[in-house]
Amino acid sequence: MQRKKRPPAKAHHPSRASPASNALMLSAPFHQMQQYYRYGNFDNCFGKWNALFDCLSLKTKRPSEVQEILEAREKAKPHIWTYRTVEEASANWWKMYSHIVTAPRRPDQQFPGNRGPSSE
């Protein structure tokens, strides 16, 4: 008995089933209660429904058109990191953390190497 050969794998494309399953899952009580527990409000689901409609609209376009649209979207997204010069980074660091560095210290506060008040 010989096993059937699998057809050759197609090129990897992002799964389009996930937006549909996400959109259907939104009305599930578990999801809504999870959102309420985590964030204090229910999920209005606009982002998920938009992703589903976007997915369906991309399915009706030619592959070359879809590729152009997806590349344009990727370029339009802001980069995850903000690149700064040394001077900009230093100024930003002081703006964000100067309250910690310049905070007044209590006499009883422990520091590395400091054994606290001497017991002499």
PDB file of N, CA and C in Angstrom:
ATOM      1  N   MET A   1       0.839  -1.177   0.000  1.00  0.00           N
ATOM      2  CA  MET A   1       0.000   0.000   0.000  1.00  0.00           C
ATOM      3  C   MET A   1       0.891   1.250   0.000  1.00  0.00           C
ATOM      4  N   GLN A   2       0.685   2.088  -0.944  1.00  0.00           N
ATOM      5  CA  GLN A   2       1.536   3.252  -1.115  1.00  0.00           C
ATOM      6  C   GLN A   2       0.785   4.510  -0.680  1.00  0.00           C
ATOM      7  N   ARG A   3       1.506   5.376   0.014  1.00  0.00           N
ATOM      8  CA  ARG A   3       0.887   6.631   0.453  1.00  0.00           C
ATOM      9  C   ARG A   3       0.763   7.585  -0.719  1.00  0.00           C
ATOM     10  N   LYS A   4      -0.279   8.403  -0.648  1.00  0.00           N
ATOM     11  CA  LYS A   4      -0.456   9.427  -1.679  1.00  0.00           C
ATOM     12  C   LYS A   4       0.537  10.551  -1.432  1.00  0.00           C
ATOM     13  N   LYS A   5       1.055  11.089  -2.505  1.00  0.00           N
ATOM     14  CA  LYS A   5       1.976  12.210  -2.383  1.00  0.00           C
ATOM     15  C   LYS A   5       1.179  13.496  -2.208  1.00  0.00           C
ATOM     16  N   ARG A   6       1.719  14.352  -1.391  1.00  0.00           N
ATOM     17  CA  ARG A   6       1.083  15.654  -1.186  1.00  0.00           C
ATOM     18  C   ARG A   6       1.377  16.548  -2.378  1.00  0.00           C
ATOM     19  N   PRO A   7       0.441  17.437  -2.708  1.00  0.00           N
ATOM     20  CA  PRO A   7       0.738  18.396  -3.774  1.00  0.00           C
ATOM     21  C   PRO A   7       1.828  19.354  -3.304  1.00  0.00           C
ATOM     22  N   PRO A   8       2.583  19.939  -4.221  1.00  0.00           N
ATOM     23  CA  PRO A   8       3.650  20.858  -3.814  1.00  0.00           C
ATOM     24  C   PRO A   8       3.070  22.048  -3.051  1.00  0.00           C
ATOM     25  N   ALA A   9       3.815  22.505  -2.069  1.00  0.00           N
ATOM     26  CA  ALA A   9       3.354  23.622  -1.244  1.00  0.00           C
ATOM     27  C   ALA A   9       3.331  24.902  -2.065  1.00  0.00           C
ATOM     28  N   LYS A  10       2.300  25.693  -1.838  1.00  0.00           N
ATOM     29  CA  LYS A  10       2.201  26.990  -2.513  1.00  0.00           C
ATOM     30  C   LYS A  10       3.060  27.996  -1.764  1.00  0.00           C
ATOM     31  N   ALA A  11       3.307  29.112  -2.407  1.00  0.00           N
ATOM     32  CA  ALA A  11       4.057  30.179  -1.754  1.00  0.00           C
ATOM     33  C   ALA A  11       3.288  30.634  -0.520  1.00  0.00           C
ATOM     34  N   HIS A  12       4.027  31.014   0.514  1.00  0.00           N
ATOM     35  CA  HIS A  12       3.391  31.415   1.769  1.00  0.00           C
ATOM     36  C   HIS A  12       2.666  32.744   1.595  1.00  0.00           C
ATOM     37  N   HIS A  13       1.399  32.738   1.919  1.00  0.00           N
ATOM     38  CA  HIS A  13       0.591  33.953   1.922  1.00  0.00           C
ATOM     39  C   HIS A  13       0.008  34.096   3.312  1.00  0.00           C
ATOM     40  N   PRO A  14      -0.169  35.317   3.785  1.00  0.00           N
ATOM     41  CA  PRO A  14      -0.769  35.487   5.098  1.00  0.00           C
ATOM     42  C   PRO A  14      -2.155  34.850   5.123  1.00  0.00           C
ATOM     43  N   SER A  15      -2.467  34.236   6.217  1.00  0.00           N
ATOM     44  CA  SER A  15      -3.753  33.561   6.343  1.00  0.00           C
ATOM     45  C   SER A  15      -4.880  34.582   6.329  1.00  0.00           C
ATOM     46  N   ARG A  16      -5.858  34.343   5.518  1.00  0.00           N
ATOM     47  CA  ARG A  16      -7.004  35.238   5.457  1.00  0.00           C
ATOM     48  C   ARG A  16      -8.168  34.680   6.264  1.00  0.00           C
ATOM     49  N   ALA A  17      -7.997  33.523   6.856  1.00  0.00           N
ATOM     50  CA  ALA A  17      -9.050  32.957   7.692  1.00  0.00           C
ATOM     51  C   ALA A  17      -9.079  33.644   9.051  1.00  0.00           C
ATOM     52  N   SER A  18      -7.953  34.154   9.502  1.00  0.00           N
ATOM     53  CA  SER A  18      -7.917  34.740  10.836  1.00  0.00           C
ATOM     54  C   SER A  18      -8.802  35.974  10.985  1.00  0.00           C
ATOM     55  N   PRO A  19      -8.879  36.908  10.017  1.00  0.00           N
ATOM     56  CA  PRO A  19      -9.807  38.022  10.208  1.00  0.00           C
ATOM     57  C   PRO A  19     -11.261  37.558  10.310  1.00  0.00           C
ATOM     58  N   ALA A  20     -11.612  36.534   9.540  1.00  0.00           N
ATOM     59  CA  ALA A  20     -12.988  36.034   9.600  1.00  0.00           C
ATOM     60  C   ALA A  20     -13.259  35.382  10.948  1.00  0.00           C
ATOM     61  N   SER A  21     -12.338  34.555  11.409  1.00  0.00           N
ATOM     62  CA  SER A  21     -12.557  33.906  12.701  1.00  0.00           C
ATOM     63  C   SER A  21     -12.528  34.923  13.835  1.00  0.00           C
ATOM     64  N   ASN A  22     -11.672  35.945  13.714  1.00  0.00           N
ATOM     65  CA  ASN A  22     -11.650  37.001  14.728  1.00  0.00           C
ATOM     66  C   ASN A  22     -12.971  37.753  14.769  1.00  0.00           C
ATOM     67  N   ALA A  23     -13.513  38.059  13.600  1.00  0.00           N
ATOM     68  CA  ALA A  23     -14.773  38.799  13.551  1.00  0.00           C
ATOM     69  C   ALA A  23     -15.911  37.988  14.151  1.00  0.00           C
ATOM     70  N   LEU A  24     -15.922  36.693  13.911  1.00  0.00           N
ATOM     71  CA  LEU A  24     -16.976  35.852  14.470  1.00  0.00           C
ATOM     72  C   LEU A  24     -16.789  35.642  15.969  1.00  0.00           C
ATOM     73  N   MET A  25     -15.558  35.609  16.414  1.00  0.00           N
ATOM     74  CA  MET A  25     -15.273  35.385  17.822  1.00  0.00           C
ATOM     75  C   MET A  25     -15.648  36.585  18.685  1.00  0.00           C
ATOM     76  N   LEU A  26     -15.753  37.764  18.093  1.00  0.00           N
ATOM     77  CA  LEU A  26     -15.992  38.978  18.863  1.00  0.00           C
ATOM     78  C   LEU A  26     -17.303  38.959  19.632  1.00  0.00           C
ATOM     79  N   SER A  27     -18.297  38.293  19.095  1.00  0.00           N
ATOM     80  CA  SER A  27     -19.587  38.276  19.776  1.00  0.00           C
ATOM     81  C   SER A  27     -19.629  37.234  20.885  1.00  0.00           C
ATOM     82  N   ALA A  28     -18.589  36.435  21.026  1.00  0.00           N
ATOM     83  CA  ALA A  28     -18.556  35.407  22.064  1.00  0.00           C
ATOM     84  C   ALA A  28     -18.499  36.068  23.439  1.00  0.00           C
ATOM     85  N   PRO A  29     -19.283  35.574  24.374  1.00  0.00           N
ATOM     86  CA  PRO A  29     -19.284  36.164  25.719  1.00  0.00           C
ATOM     87  C   PRO A  29     -17.901  36.142  26.378  1.00  0.00           C
ATOM     88  N   PHE A  30     -17.135  35.073  26.146  1.00  0.00           N
ATOM     89  CA  PHE A  30     -15.811  34.991  26.759  1.00  0.00           C
ATOM     90  C   PHE A  30     -14.936  36.166  26.331  1.00  0.00           C
ATOM     91  N   HIS A  31     -14.934  36.478  25.043  1.00  0.00           N
ATOM     92  CA  HIS A  31     -14.098  37.580  24.543  1.00  0.00           C
ATOM     93  C   HIS A  31     -14.517  38.906  25.170  1.00  0.00           C
ATOM     94  N   GLN A  32     -15.816  39.154  25.206  1.00  0.00           N
ATOM     95  CA  GLN A  32     -16.295  40.425  25.750  1.00  0.00           C
ATOM     96  C   GLN A  32     -15.971  40.547  27.244  1.00  0.00           C
ATOM     97  N   MET A  33     -16.126  39.466  27.984  1.00  0.00           N
ATOM     98  CA  MET A  33     -15.817  39.514  29.414  1.00  0.00           C
ATOM     99  C   MET A  33     -14.309  39.664  29.642  1.00  0.00           C
ATOM    100  N   GLN A  34     -13.515  39.052  28.780  1.00  0.00           N
ATOM    101  CA  GLN A  34     -12.066  39.197  28.871  1.00  0.00           C
ATOM    102  C   GLN A  34     -11.670  40.657  28.633  1.00  0.00           C
ATOM    103  N   GLN A  35     -12.264  41.287  27.633  1.00  0.00           N
ATOM    104  CA  GLN A  35     -11.980  42.694  27.354  1.00  0.00           C
ATOM    105  C   GLN A  35     -12.410  43.579  28.519  1.00  0.00           C
ATOM    106  N   TYR A  36     -13.567  43.274  29.081  1.00  0.00           N
ATOM    107  CA  TYR A  36     -14.066  44.068  30.208  1.00  0.00           C
ATOM    108  C   TYR A  36     -13.138  43.912  31.415  1.00  0.00           C
ATOM    109  N   TYR A  37     -12.681  42.693  31.664  1.00  0.00           N
ATOM    110  CA  TYR A  37     -11.789  42.435  32.791  1.00  0.00           C
ATOM    111  C   TYR A  37     -10.449  43.144  32.594  1.00  0.00           C
ATOM    112  N   ARG A  38      -9.894  43.068  31.390  1.00  0.00           N
ATOM    113  CA  ARG A  38      -8.571  43.641  31.136  1.00  0.00           C
ATOM    114  C   ARG A  38      -8.585  45.157  31.027  1.00  0.00           C
ATOM    115  N   TYR A  39      -9.584  45.702  30.313  1.00  0.00           N
ATOM    116  CA  TYR A  39      -9.549  47.123  29.968  1.00  0.00           C
ATOM    117  C   TYR A  39     -10.685  47.937  30.566  1.00  0.00           C
ATOM    118  N   GLY A  40     -11.659  47.287  31.201  1.00  0.00           N
ATOM    119  CA  GLY A  40     -12.748  48.017  31.832  1.00  0.00           C
ATOM    120  C   GLY A  40     -13.869  48.415  30.899  1.00  0.00           C
ATOM    121  N   ASN A  41     -13.858  47.948  29.668  1.00  0.00           N
ATOM    122  CA  ASN A  41     -14.965  48.222  28.743  1.00  0.00           C
ATOM    123  C   ASN A  41     -15.071  47.089  27.732  1.00  0.00           C
ATOM    124  N   PHE A  42     -16.205  47.038  27.068  1.00  0.00           N
ATOM    125  CA  PHE A  42     -16.427  45.987  26.080  1.00  0.00           C
ATOM    126  C   PHE A  42     -15.785  46.376  24.755  1.00  0.00           C
ATOM    127  N   ASP A  43     -15.482  45.385  23.945  1.00  0.00           N
ATOM    128  CA  ASP A  43     -14.840  45.596  22.648  1.00  0.00           C
ATOM    129  C   ASP A  43     -15.903  46.000  21.632  1.00  0.00           C
ATOM    130  N   ASN A  44     -15.711  47.152  20.976  1.00  0.00           N
ATOM    131  CA  ASN A  44     -16.676  47.579  19.958  1.00  0.00           C
ATOM    132  C   ASN A  44     -16.432  46.901  18.615  1.00  0.00           C
ATOM    133  N   CYS A  45     -15.331  46.204  18.467  1.00  0.00           N
ATOM    134  CA  CYS A  45     -15.037  45.328  17.324  1.00  0.00           C
ATOM    135  C   CYS A  45     -14.799  46.047  15.996  1.00  0.00           C
ATOM    136  N   PHE A  46     -14.706  47.352  15.974  1.00  0.00           N
ATOM    137  CA  PHE A  46     -14.526  48.053  14.705  1.00  0.00           C
ATOM    138  C   PHE A  46     -13.255  47.620  13.991  1.00  0.00           C
ATOM    139  N   GLY A  47     -12.167  47.486  14.713  1.00  0.00           N
ATOM    140  CA  GLY A  47     -10.905  47.099  14.086  1.00  0.00           C
ATOM    141  C   GLY A  47     -10.973  45.726  13.446  1.00  0.00           C
ATOM    142  N   LYS A  48     -11.625  44.795  14.114  1.00  0.00           N
ATOM    143  CA  LYS A  48     -11.724  43.428  13.582  1.00  0.00           C
ATOM    144  C   LYS A  48     -12.626  43.378  12.356  1.00  0.00           C
ATOM    145  N   TRP A  49     -13.752  44.087  12.405  1.00  0.00           N
ATOM    146  CA  TRP A  49     -14.649  44.088  11.240  1.00  0.00           C
ATOM    147  C   TRP A  49     -13.977  44.776  10.054  1.00  0.00           C
ATOM    148  N   ASN A  50     -13.251  45.861  10.316  1.00  0.00           N
ATOM    149  CA  ASN A  50     -12.522  46.528   9.231  1.00  0.00           C
ATOM    150  C   ASN A  50     -11.485  45.596   8.622  1.00  0.00           C
ATOM    151  N   ALA A  51     -10.806  44.809   9.462  1.00  0.00           N
ATOM    152  CA  ALA A  51      -9.818  43.850   8.948  1.00  0.00           C
ATOM    153  C   ALA A  51     -10.490  42.796   8.075  1.00  0.00           C
ATOM    154  N   LEU A  52     -11.683  42.355   8.471  1.00  0.00           N
ATOM    155  CA  LEU A  52     -12.408  41.361   7.679  1.00  0.00           C
ATOM    156  C   LEU A  52     -12.816  41.941   6.325  1.00  0.00           C
ATOM    157  N   PHE A  53     -13.389  43.133   6.323  1.00  0.00           N
ATOM    158  CA  PHE A  53     -13.806  43.749   5.055  1.00  0.00           C
ATOM    159  C   PHE A  53     -12.604  44.052   4.168  1.00  0.00           C
ATOM    160  N   ASP A  54     -11.513  44.470   4.782  1.00  0.00           N
ATOM    161  CA  ASP A  54     -10.287  44.718   4.033  1.00  0.00           C
ATOM    162  C   ASP A  54      -9.785  43.423   3.401  1.00  0.00           C
ATOM    163  N   CYS A  55      -9.820  42.358   4.158  1.00  0.00           N
ATOM    164  CA  CYS A  55      -9.393  41.050   3.653  1.00  0.00           C
ATOM    165  C   CYS A  55     -10.245  40.634   2.461  1.00  0.00           C
ATOM    166  N   LEU A  56     -11.544  40.783   2.597  1.00  0.00           N
ATOM    167  CA  LEU A  56     -12.440  40.387   1.507  1.00  0.00           C
ATOM    168  C   LEU A  56     -12.238  41.260   0.273  1.00  0.00           C
ATOM    169  N   SER A  57     -11.990  42.549   0.470  1.00  0.00           N
ATOM    170  CA  SER A  57     -11.774  43.421  -0.688  1.00  0.00           C
ATOM    171  C   SER A  57     -10.451  43.099  -1.381  1.00  0.00           C
ATOM    172  N   LEU A  58      -9.423  42.710  -0.616  1.00  0.00           N
ATOM    173  CA  LEU A  58      -8.149  42.347  -1.238  1.00  0.00           C
ATOM    174  C   LEU A  58      -8.267  41.053  -2.030  1.00  0.00           C
ATOM    175  N   LYS A  59      -9.160  40.174  -1.619  1.00  0.00           N
ATOM    176  CA  LYS A  59      -9.347  38.907  -2.334  1.00  0.00           C
ATOM    177  C   LYS A  59      -9.907  39.123  -3.739  1.00  0.00           C
ATOM    178  N   THR A  60     -10.555  40.258  -3.981  1.00  0.00           N
ATOM    179  CA  THR A  60     -11.157  40.513  -5.291  1.00  0.00           C
ATOM    180  C   THR A  60     -10.190  41.192  -6.256  1.00  0.00           C
ATOM    181  N   LYS A  61      -8.994  41.509  -5.789  1.00  0.00           N
ATOM    182  CA  LYS A  61      -8.025  42.217  -6.636  1.00  0.00           C
ATOM    183  C   LYS A  61      -6.996  41.242  -7.211  1.00  0.00           C
ATOM    184  N   ARG A  62      -6.305  41.701  -8.251  1.00  0.00           N
ATOM    185  CA  ARG A  62      -5.242  40.895  -8.850  1.00  0.00           C
ATOM    186  C   ARG A  62      -4.062  40.803  -7.874  1.00  0.00           C
ATOM    187  N   PRO A  63      -3.307  39.703  -7.922  1.00  0.00           N
ATOM    188  CA  PRO A  63      -2.169  39.542  -6.995  1.00  0.00           C
ATOM    189  C   PRO A  63      -1.150  40.682  -7.068  1.00  0.00           C
ATOM    190  N   SER A  64      -0.883  41.195  -8.258  1.00  0.00           N
ATOM    191  CA  SER A  64       0.081  42.297  -8.366  1.00  0.00           C
ATOM    192  C   SER A  64      -0.454  43.552  -7.668  1.00  0.00           C
ATOM    193  N   GLU A  65      -1.754  43.776  -7.800  1.00  0.00           N
ATOM    194  CA  GLU A  65      -2.383  44.926  -7.148  1.00  0.00           C
ATOM    195  C   GLU A  65      -2.333  44.775  -5.625  1.00  0.00           C
ATOM    196  N   VAL A  66      -2.605  43.569  -5.164  1.00  0.00           N
ATOM    197  CA  VAL A  66      -2.578  43.293  -3.724  1.00  0.00           C
ATOM    198  C   VAL A  66      -1.177  43.535  -3.179  1.00  0.00           C
ATOM    199  N   GLN A  67      -0.174  43.065  -3.906  1.00  0.00           N
ATOM    200  CA  GLN A  67       1.213  43.247  -3.474  1.00  0.00           C
ATOM    201  C   GLN A  67       1.552  44.729  -3.351  1.00  0.00           C
ATOM    202  N   GLU A  68       1.133  45.529  -4.328  1.00  0.00           N
ATOM    203  CA  GLU A  68       1.390  46.975  -4.282  1.00  0.00           C
ATOM    204  C   GLU A  68       0.707  47.615  -3.080  1.00  0.00           C
ATOM    205  N   ILE A  69      -0.541  47.232  -2.836  1.00  0.00           N
ATOM    206  CA  ILE A  69      -1.295  47.804  -1.718  1.00  0.00           C
ATOM    207  C   ILE A  69      -0.622  47.463  -0.391  1.00  0.00           C
ATOM    208  N   LEU A  70      -0.245  46.196  -0.228  1.00  0.00           N
ATOM    209  CA  LEU A  70       0.380  45.773   1.028  1.00  0.00           C
ATOM    210  C   LEU A  70       1.740  46.432   1.241  1.00  0.00           C
ATOM    211  N   GLU A  71       2.516  46.586   0.172  1.00  0.00           N
ATOM    212  CA  GLU A  71       3.812  47.260   0.297  1.00  0.00           C
ATOM    213  C   GLU A  71       3.631  48.729   0.651  1.00  0.00           C
ATOM    214  N   ALA A  72       2.636  49.387   0.039  1.00  0.00           N
ATOM    215  CA  ALA A  72       2.373  50.794   0.347  1.00  0.00           C
ATOM    216  C   ALA A  72       1.955  50.958   1.812  1.00  0.00           C
ATOM    217  N   ARG A  73       1.147  50.037   2.303  1.00  0.00           N
ATOM    218  CA  ARG A  73       0.728  50.098   3.711  1.00  0.00           C
ATOM    219  C   ARG A  73       1.914  49.913   4.641  1.00  0.00           C
ATOM    220  N   GLU A  74       2.790  48.993   4.298  1.00  0.00           N
ATOM    221  CA  GLU A  74       3.954  48.731   5.139  1.00  0.00           C
ATOM    222  C   GLU A  74       4.859  49.957   5.200  1.00  0.00           C
ATOM    223  N   LYS A  75       5.030  50.634   4.065  1.00  0.00           N
ATOM    224  CA  LYS A  75       5.867  51.835   4.038  1.00  0.00           C
ATOM    225  C   LYS A  75       5.218  52.987   4.797  1.00  0.00           C
ATOM    226  N   ALA A  76       3.886  53.032   4.820  1.00  0.00           N
ATOM    227  CA  ALA A  76       3.177  54.117   5.490  1.00  0.00           C
ATOM    228  C   ALA A  76       3.187  53.974   7.012  1.00  0.00           C
ATOM    229  N   LYS A  77       3.422  52.766   7.509  1.00  0.00           N
ATOM    230  CA  LYS A  77       3.442  52.547   8.958  1.00  0.00           C
ATOM    231  C   LYS A  77       4.652  53.244   9.562  1.00  0.00           C
ATOM    232  N   PRO A  78       4.479  53.854  10.732  1.00  0.00           N
ATOM    233  CA  PRO A  78       5.648  54.436  11.394  1.00  0.00           C
ATOM    234  C   PRO A  78       6.562  53.327  11.902  1.00  0.00           C
ATOM    235  N   HIS A  79       7.842  53.580  11.897  1.00  0.00           N
ATOM    236  CA  HIS A  79       8.809  52.585  12.352  1.00  0.00           C
ATOM    237  C   HIS A  79       8.669  52.402  13.861  1.00  0.00           C
ATOM    238  N   ILE A  80       8.948  51.219  14.340  1.00  0.00           N
ATOM    239  CA  ILE A  80       8.774  50.917  15.760  1.00  0.00           C
ATOM    240  C   ILE A  80       9.751  51.702  16.637  1.00  0.00           C
ATOM    241  N   TRP A  81      10.932  51.980  16.135  1.00  0.00           N
ATOM    242  CA  TRP A  81      11.927  52.715  16.894  1.00  0.00           C
ATOM    243  C   TRP A  81      12.016  54.141  16.386  1.00  0.00           C
ATOM    244  N   THR A  82      12.322  55.055  17.295  1.00  0.00           N
ATOM    245  CA  THR A  82      12.584  56.437  16.926  1.00  0.00           C
ATOM    246  C   THR A  82      14.093  56.614  16.922  1.00  0.00           C
ATOM    247  N   TYR A  83      14.647  56.945  15.781  1.00  0.00           N
ATOM    248  CA  TYR A  83      16.087  57.129  15.678  1.00  0.00           C
ATOM    249  C   TYR A  83      16.439  58.550  16.088  1.00  0.00           C
ATOM    250  N   ARG A  84      17.441  58.670  16.961  1.00  0.00           N
ATOM    251  CA  ARG A  84      17.858  59.977  17.451  1.00  0.00           C
ATOM    252  C   ARG A  84      19.381  60.067  17.420  1.00  0.00           C
ATOM    253  N   THR A  85      19.853  61.295  17.342  1.00  0.00           N
ATOM    254  CA  THR A  85      21.289  61.511  17.499  1.00  0.00           C
ATOM    255  C   THR A  85      21.614  61.363  18.986  1.00  0.00           C
ATOM    256  N   VAL A  86      22.883  61.371  19.326  1.00  0.00           N
ATOM    257  CA  VAL A  86      23.288  61.248  20.726  1.00  0.00           C
ATOM    258  C   VAL A  86      22.720  62.408  21.538  1.00  0.00           C
ATOM    259  N   GLU A  87      22.765  63.602  20.977  1.00  0.00           N
ATOM    260  CA  GLU A  87      22.263  64.779  21.691  1.00  0.00           C
ATOM    261  C   GLU A  87      20.753  64.682  21.903  1.00  0.00           C
ATOM    262  N   GLU A  88      20.029  64.268  20.860  1.00  0.00           N
ATOM    263  CA  GLU A  88      18.574  64.125  20.985  1.00  0.00           C
ATOM    264  C   GLU A  88      18.217  63.041  21.995  1.00  0.00           C
ATOM    265  N   ALA A  89      18.942  61.931  21.951  1.00  0.00           N
ATOM    266  CA  ALA A  89      18.675  60.835  22.884  1.00  0.00           C
ATOM    267  C   ALA A  89      18.945  61.269  24.320  1.00  0.00           C
ATOM    268  N   SER A  90      20.029  62.003  24.517  1.00  0.00           N
ATOM    269  CA  SER A  90      20.366  62.481  25.856  1.00  0.00           C
ATOM    270  C   SER A  90      19.297  63.439  26.376  1.00  0.00           C
ATOM    271  N   ALA A  91      18.877  64.372  25.527  1.00  0.00           N
ATOM    272  CA  ALA A  91      17.833  65.321  25.933  1.00  0.00           C
ATOM    273  C   ALA A  91      16.533  64.590  26.251  1.00  0.00           C
ATOM    274  N   ASN A  92      16.182  63.611  25.448  1.00  0.00           N
ATOM    275  CA  ASN A  92      14.959  62.849  25.684  1.00  0.00           C
ATOM    276  C   ASN A  92      15.053  62.045  26.980  1.00  0.00           C
ATOM    277  N   TRP A  93      16.216  61.449  27.236  1.00  0.00           N
ATOM    278  CA  TRP A  93      16.394  60.671  28.459  1.00  0.00           C
ATOM    279  C   TRP A  93      16.219  61.562  29.679  1.00  0.00           C
ATOM    280  N   TRP A  94      16.852  62.742  29.661  1.00  0.00           N
ATOM    281  CA  TRP A  94      16.732  63.650  30.804  1.00  0.00           C
ATOM    282  C   TRP A  94      15.301  64.134  30.973  1.00  0.00           C
ATOM    283  N   LYS A  95      14.615  64.323  29.866  1.00  0.00           N
ATOM    284  CA  LYS A  95      13.212  64.752  29.944  1.00  0.00           C
ATOM    285  C   LYS A  95      12.357  63.669  30.606  1.00  0.00           C
ATOM    286  N   MET A  96      12.631  62.409  30.271  1.00  0.00           N
ATOM    287  CA  MET A  96      11.811  61.314  30.787  1.00  0.00           C
ATOM    288  C   MET A  96      12.202  60.881  32.203  1.00  0.00           C
ATOM    289  N   TYR A  97      13.489  60.924  32.539  1.00  0.00           N
ATOM    290  CA  TYR A  97      13.944  60.312  33.783  1.00  0.00           C
ATOM    291  C   TYR A  97      14.620  61.259  34.770  1.00  0.00           C
ATOM    292  N   SER A  98      14.649  62.542  34.489  1.00  0.00           N
ATOM    293  CA  SER A  98      15.350  63.454  35.394  1.00  0.00           C
ATOM    294  C   SER A  98      14.704  63.491  36.773  1.00  0.00           C
ATOM    295  N   HIS A  99      13.403  63.262  36.860  1.00  0.00           N
ATOM    296  CA  HIS A  99      12.737  63.275  38.165  1.00  0.00           C
ATOM    297  C   HIS A  99      13.254  62.160  39.075  1.00  0.00           C
ATOM    298  N   ILE A 100      13.748  61.078  38.495  1.00  0.00           N
ATOM    299  CA  ILE A 100      14.280  59.971  39.293  1.00  0.00           C
ATOM    300  C   ILE A 100      15.698  60.301  39.753  1.00  0.00           C
ATOM    301  N   VAL A 101      16.485  60.840  38.848  1.00  0.00           N
ATOM    302  CA  VAL A 101      17.889  61.113  39.139  1.00  0.00           C
ATOM    303  C   VAL A 101      18.031  62.270  40.111  1.00  0.00           C
ATOM    304  N   THR A 102      17.207  63.293  39.969  1.00  0.00           N
ATOM    305  CA  THR A 102      17.345  64.495  40.786  1.00  0.00           C
ATOM    306  C   THR A 102      16.419  64.500  41.991  1.00  0.00           C
ATOM    307  N   ALA A 103      15.734  63.401  42.262  1.00  0.00           N
ATOM    308  CA  ALA A 103      14.829  63.345  43.413  1.00  0.00           C
ATOM    309  C   ALA A 103      15.633  63.444  44.702  1.00  0.00           C
ATOM    310  N   PRO A 104      15.128  64.199  45.680  1.00  0.00           N
ATOM    311  CA  PRO A 104      15.856  64.288  46.950  1.00  0.00           C
ATOM    312  C   PRO A 104      15.884  62.924  47.642  1.00  0.00           C
ATOM    313  N   ARG A 105      16.990  62.606  48.258  1.00  0.00           N
ATOM    314  CA  ARG A 105      17.148  61.311  48.915  1.00  0.00           C
ATOM    315  C   ARG A 105      16.916  61.475  50.425  1.00  0.00           C
ATOM    316  N   ARG A 106      16.276  60.463  50.986  1.00  0.00           N
ATOM    317  CA  ARG A 106      16.060  60.441  52.434  1.00  0.00           C
ATOM    318  C   ARG A 106      17.333  59.923  53.102  1.00  0.00           C
ATOM    319  N   PRO A 107      17.632  60.376  54.297  1.00  0.00           N
ATOM    320  CA  PRO A 107      18.842  59.900  54.983  1.00  0.00           C
ATOM    321  C   PRO A 107      18.807  58.402  55.274  1.00  0.00           C
ATOM    322  N   ASP A 108      17.616  57.838  55.462  1.00  0.00           N
ATOM    323  CA  ASP A 108      17.521  56.417  55.797  1.00  0.00           C
ATOM    324  C   ASP A 108      17.476  55.513  54.570  1.00  0.00           C
ATOM    325  N   GLN A 109      17.564  56.098  53.378  1.00  0.00           N
ATOM    326  CA  GLN A 109      17.465  55.315  52.142  1.00  0.00           C
ATOM    327  C   GLN A 109      18.742  54.510  51.926  1.00  0.00           C
ATOM    328  N   GLN A 110      18.581  53.232  51.562  1.00  0.00           N
ATOM    329  CA  GLN A 110      19.721  52.345  51.350  1.00  0.00           C
ATOM    330  C   GLN A 110      20.273  52.505  49.939  1.00  0.00           C
ATOM    331  N   PHE A 111      21.590  52.454  49.809  1.00  0.00           N
ATOM    332  CA  PHE A 111      22.264  52.494  48.522  1.00  0.00           C
ATOM    333  C   PHE A 111      23.179  51.286  48.436  1.00  0.00           C
ATOM    334  N   PRO A 112      23.540  50.864  47.223  1.00  0.00           N
ATOM    335  CA  PRO A 112      24.519  49.773  47.119  1.00  0.00           C
ATOM    336  C   PRO A 112      25.823  50.178  47.799  1.00  0.00           C
ATOM    337  N   GLY A 113      26.323  49.352  48.685  1.00  0.00           N
ATOM    338  CA  GLY A 113      27.560  49.664  49.399  1.00  0.00           C
ATOM    339  C   GLY A 113      27.315  50.435  50.679  1.00  0.00           C
ATOM    340  N   ASN A 114      26.111  50.963  50.849  1.00  0.00           N
ATOM    341  CA  ASN A 114      25.771  51.699  52.054  1.00  0.00           C
ATOM    342  C   ASN A 114      25.118  50.722  53.024  1.00  0.00           C
ATOM    343  N   ARG A 115      25.659  50.614  54.212  1.00  0.00           N
ATOM    344  CA  ARG A 115      25.115  49.657  55.175  1.00  0.00           C
ATOM    345  C   ARG A 115      24.111  50.320  56.099  1.00  0.00           C
ATOM    346  N   GLY A 116      23.684  51.486  55.754  1.00  0.00           N
ATOM    347  CA  GLY A 116      22.692  52.165  56.579  1.00  0.00           C
ATOM    348  C   GLY A 116      23.353  52.921  57.717  1.00  0.00           C
ATOM    349  N   PRO A 117      22.545  53.348  58.673  1.00  0.00           N
ATOM    350  CA  PRO A 117      23.108  54.101  59.802  1.00  0.00           C
ATOM    351  C   PRO A 117      24.113  53.235  60.561  1.00  0.00           C
ATOM    352  N   SER A 118      25.214  53.848  60.919  1.00  0.00           N
ATOM    353  CA  SER A 118      26.243  53.068  61.616  1.00  0.00           C
ATOM    354  C   SER A 118      25.775  52.772  63.033  1.00  0.00           C
ATOM    355  N   SER A 119      26.144  51.620  63.515  1.00  0.00           N
ATOM    356  CA  SER A 119      25.715  51.209  64.854  1.00  0.00           C
ATOM    357  C   SER A 119      26.875  51.310  65.839  1.00  0.00           C
ATOM    358  N   GLU A 120      27.688  52.351  65.696  1.00  0.00           N
ATOM    359  CA  GLU A 120      28.860  52.530  66.566  1.00  0.00           C
ATOM    360  C   GLU A 120      28.456  53.150  67.855  1.00  0.00           C
TER     361      GLU A 120
END
